[in-house]
Amino acid sequence: MSTTLTDHDKLTLRTAAWGAVSLMSAAGAAGSAHKVATHGSIALTSATGLVGHVVTKAPKGVKYGKSVAALADQVLPALTTAMSLLKQQNPAEADNFRRTVIVAIEAAARTHQGEPSPTMAEMARKITAALDAA
């Protein structure tokens, strides 16, 4: 199945995926934001298929805001929009995108010893809910 993504579609996917990693980083424990972002980024750049080709690059020129709430206001709807557009064009790539983002947030959450913090677990839940809202 051929999938044609516009530049705007690609920006939406990048904003959603990289923004999810940024949300996990913001929810991480003090001093671990860099480690969280690194592990999440490695997961995104390891993606395959159409999604891998698109999300391998972080979005250019995106302003995420000055607070976690502002970041969430931009990223959570982008996750839902990305899933919707991929489901319409290529359901297999929609599944690939969802799995890619889930792996990225799980990789980010596993930078801590033991269980993720309640804050990180709640952020992961919100990200998953946004993915599943499409």
Protein backbone atom coordinates (compact mmCIF):
# COMPACT_ATOMS: atom_id res chain seq x y z
CA MET A 1 0.00 0.00 0.00
CA SER A 2 1.42 3.32 -1.08
CA THR A 3 1.30 6.11 1.44
CA THR A 4 1.79 9.73 0.54
CA LEU A 5 2.47 12.09 3.40
CA THR A 6 2.54 15.82 2.93
CA ASP A 7 5.21 17.93 4.61
CA HIS A 8 2.54 18.96 7.13
CA ASP A 9 1.70 15.28 7.82
CA LYS A 10 5.38 14.52 8.38
CA LEU A 11 5.69 17.47 10.76
CA THR A 12 2.66 16.20 12.68
CA LEU A 13 4.22 12.73 13.05
CA ARG A 14 7.56 14.18 14.13
CA THR A 15 5.94 16.61 16.57
CA ALA A 16 3.88 13.78 18.07
CA ALA A 17 6.70 11.25 18.42
CA TRP A 18 9.45 13.60 19.59
CA GLY A 19 6.96 15.49 21.73
CA ALA A 20 6.02 12.25 23.51
CA VAL A 21 9.68 11.77 24.41
CA SER A 22 9.83 15.39 25.58
CA LEU A 23 6.77 14.84 27.79
CA MET A 24 8.41 11.79 29.35
CA SER A 25 11.59 13.79 29.88
CA ALA A 26 9.63 16.56 31.58
CA ALA A 27 7.93 14.00 33.83
CA GLY A 28 11.24 12.38 34.81
CA ALA A 29 13.02 12.79 38.09
CA ALA A 30 15.27 15.79 38.57
CA GLY A 31 18.64 15.26 36.96
CA SER A 32 17.47 12.44 34.71
CA ALA A 33 15.77 14.43 31.93
CA HIS A 34 18.79 14.05 29.64
CA LYS A 35 18.95 10.29 30.18
CA VAL A 36 15.20 9.93 29.58
CA ALA A 37 15.42 11.98 26.37
CA THR A 38 18.44 10.01 25.16
CA HIS A 39 16.78 6.62 25.60
CA GLY A 40 13.54 7.82 24.01
CA SER A 41 15.44 9.36 21.10
CA ILE A 42 17.36 6.15 20.45
CA ALA A 43 14.04 4.31 20.23
CA LEU A 44 12.67 6.83 17.70
CA THR A 45 15.77 6.75 15.52
CA SER A 46 15.63 2.94 15.54
CA ALA A 47 12.15 2.86 13.99
CA THR A 48 11.63 1.12 10.65
CA GLY A 49 9.22 1.40 7.73
CA LEU A 50 7.62 4.65 6.62
CA VAL A 51 7.41 5.78 10.23
CA GLY A 52 11.13 5.20 10.67
CA HIS A 53 11.91 7.31 7.62
CA VAL A 54 9.76 10.16 8.95
CA VAL A 55 10.55 10.22 12.69
CA THR A 56 14.28 9.64 12.38
CA LYS A 57 14.62 13.44 12.32
CA ALA A 58 13.39 15.67 15.11
CA PRO A 59 10.96 18.38 13.97
CA LYS A 60 12.61 21.64 12.97
CA GLY A 61 11.27 24.95 14.21
CA VAL A 62 8.70 23.52 16.62
CA LYS A 63 8.17 25.59 19.75
CA TYR A 64 6.90 23.31 22.49
CA GLY A 65 6.03 26.02 25.01
CA LYS A 66 7.32 27.02 28.38
CA SER A 67 5.46 24.54 30.56
CA VAL A 68 4.62 20.85 30.56
CA ALA A 69 0.95 21.80 30.18
CA ALA A 70 1.74 23.82 27.03
CA LEU A 71 3.79 20.92 25.68
CA ALA A 72 0.96 18.47 26.38
CA ASP A 73 -1.55 20.83 24.71
CA GLN A 74 0.46 20.54 21.50
CA VAL A 75 1.71 16.95 21.63
CA LEU A 76 -1.29 14.95 22.82
CA PRO A 77 -3.58 16.17 20.00
CA ALA A 78 -0.72 15.63 17.51
CA LEU A 79 -0.50 11.99 18.62
CA THR A 80 -4.22 11.51 17.96
CA THR A 81 -4.02 13.33 14.62
CA ALA A 82 -0.99 11.28 13.53
CA MET A 83 -2.82 8.04 14.31
CA SER A 84 -5.93 9.20 12.44
CA LEU A 85 -4.08 10.18 9.28
CA LEU A 86 -2.04 6.98 9.25
CA LYS A 87 -5.12 4.81 9.86
CA GLN A 88 -6.78 6.43 6.84
CA GLN A 89 -3.78 5.92 4.55
CA ASN A 90 -2.03 2.81 5.84
CA PRO A 91 -3.31 0.94 8.92
CA ALA A 92 -0.09 -1.09 9.16
CA GLU A 93 1.93 2.12 9.47
CA ALA A 94 -0.54 3.39 12.08
CA ASP A 95 0.27 0.26 14.11
CA ASN A 96 3.97 0.84 13.46
CA PHE A 97 3.72 4.45 14.65
CA ARG A 98 1.84 3.43 17.82
CA ARG A 99 4.39 0.71 18.61
CA THR A 100 7.28 3.10 17.91
CA VAL A 101 5.93 5.72 20.32
CA ILE A 102 5.15 3.08 22.97
CA VAL A 103 8.68 1.67 22.72
CA ALA A 104 10.09 5.21 23.00
CA ILE A 105 8.11 6.01 26.15
CA GLU A 106 8.90 2.62 27.66
CA ALA A 107 12.60 3.14 26.92
CA ALA A 108 12.38 6.57 28.51
CA ALA A 109 10.61 5.21 31.58
CA ARG A 110 13.14 2.41 32.06
CA THR A 111 16.01 4.80 32.66
CA HIS A 112 15.10 4.62 36.32
CA GLN A 113 15.82 1.69 38.60
CA GLY A 114 12.70 -0.36 39.25
CA GLU A 115 9.28 1.04 38.47
CA PRO A 116 8.84 4.39 36.74
CA SER A 117 7.85 7.23 39.02
CA PRO A 118 4.11 7.89 39.41
CA THR A 119 4.59 11.06 37.36
CA MET A 120 6.21 9.17 34.48
CA ALA A 121 3.60 6.38 34.66
CA GLU A 122 0.79 8.94 34.45
CA MET A 123 2.43 10.72 31.52
CA ALA A 124 2.82 7.38 29.71
CA ARG A 125 -0.89 6.71 30.34
CA LYS A 126 -1.84 10.10 28.84
CA ILE A 127 0.34 9.48 25.78
CA THR A 128 -1.17 6.01 25.27
CA ALA A 129 -4.69 7.43 25.64
CA ALA A 130 -3.94 10.05 22.99
CA LEU A 131 -2.65 7.36 20.62
CA ASP A 132 -5.76 5.27 21.19
CA ALA A 133 -8.22 8.17 20.82
CA ALA A 134 -8.03 8.06 17.01
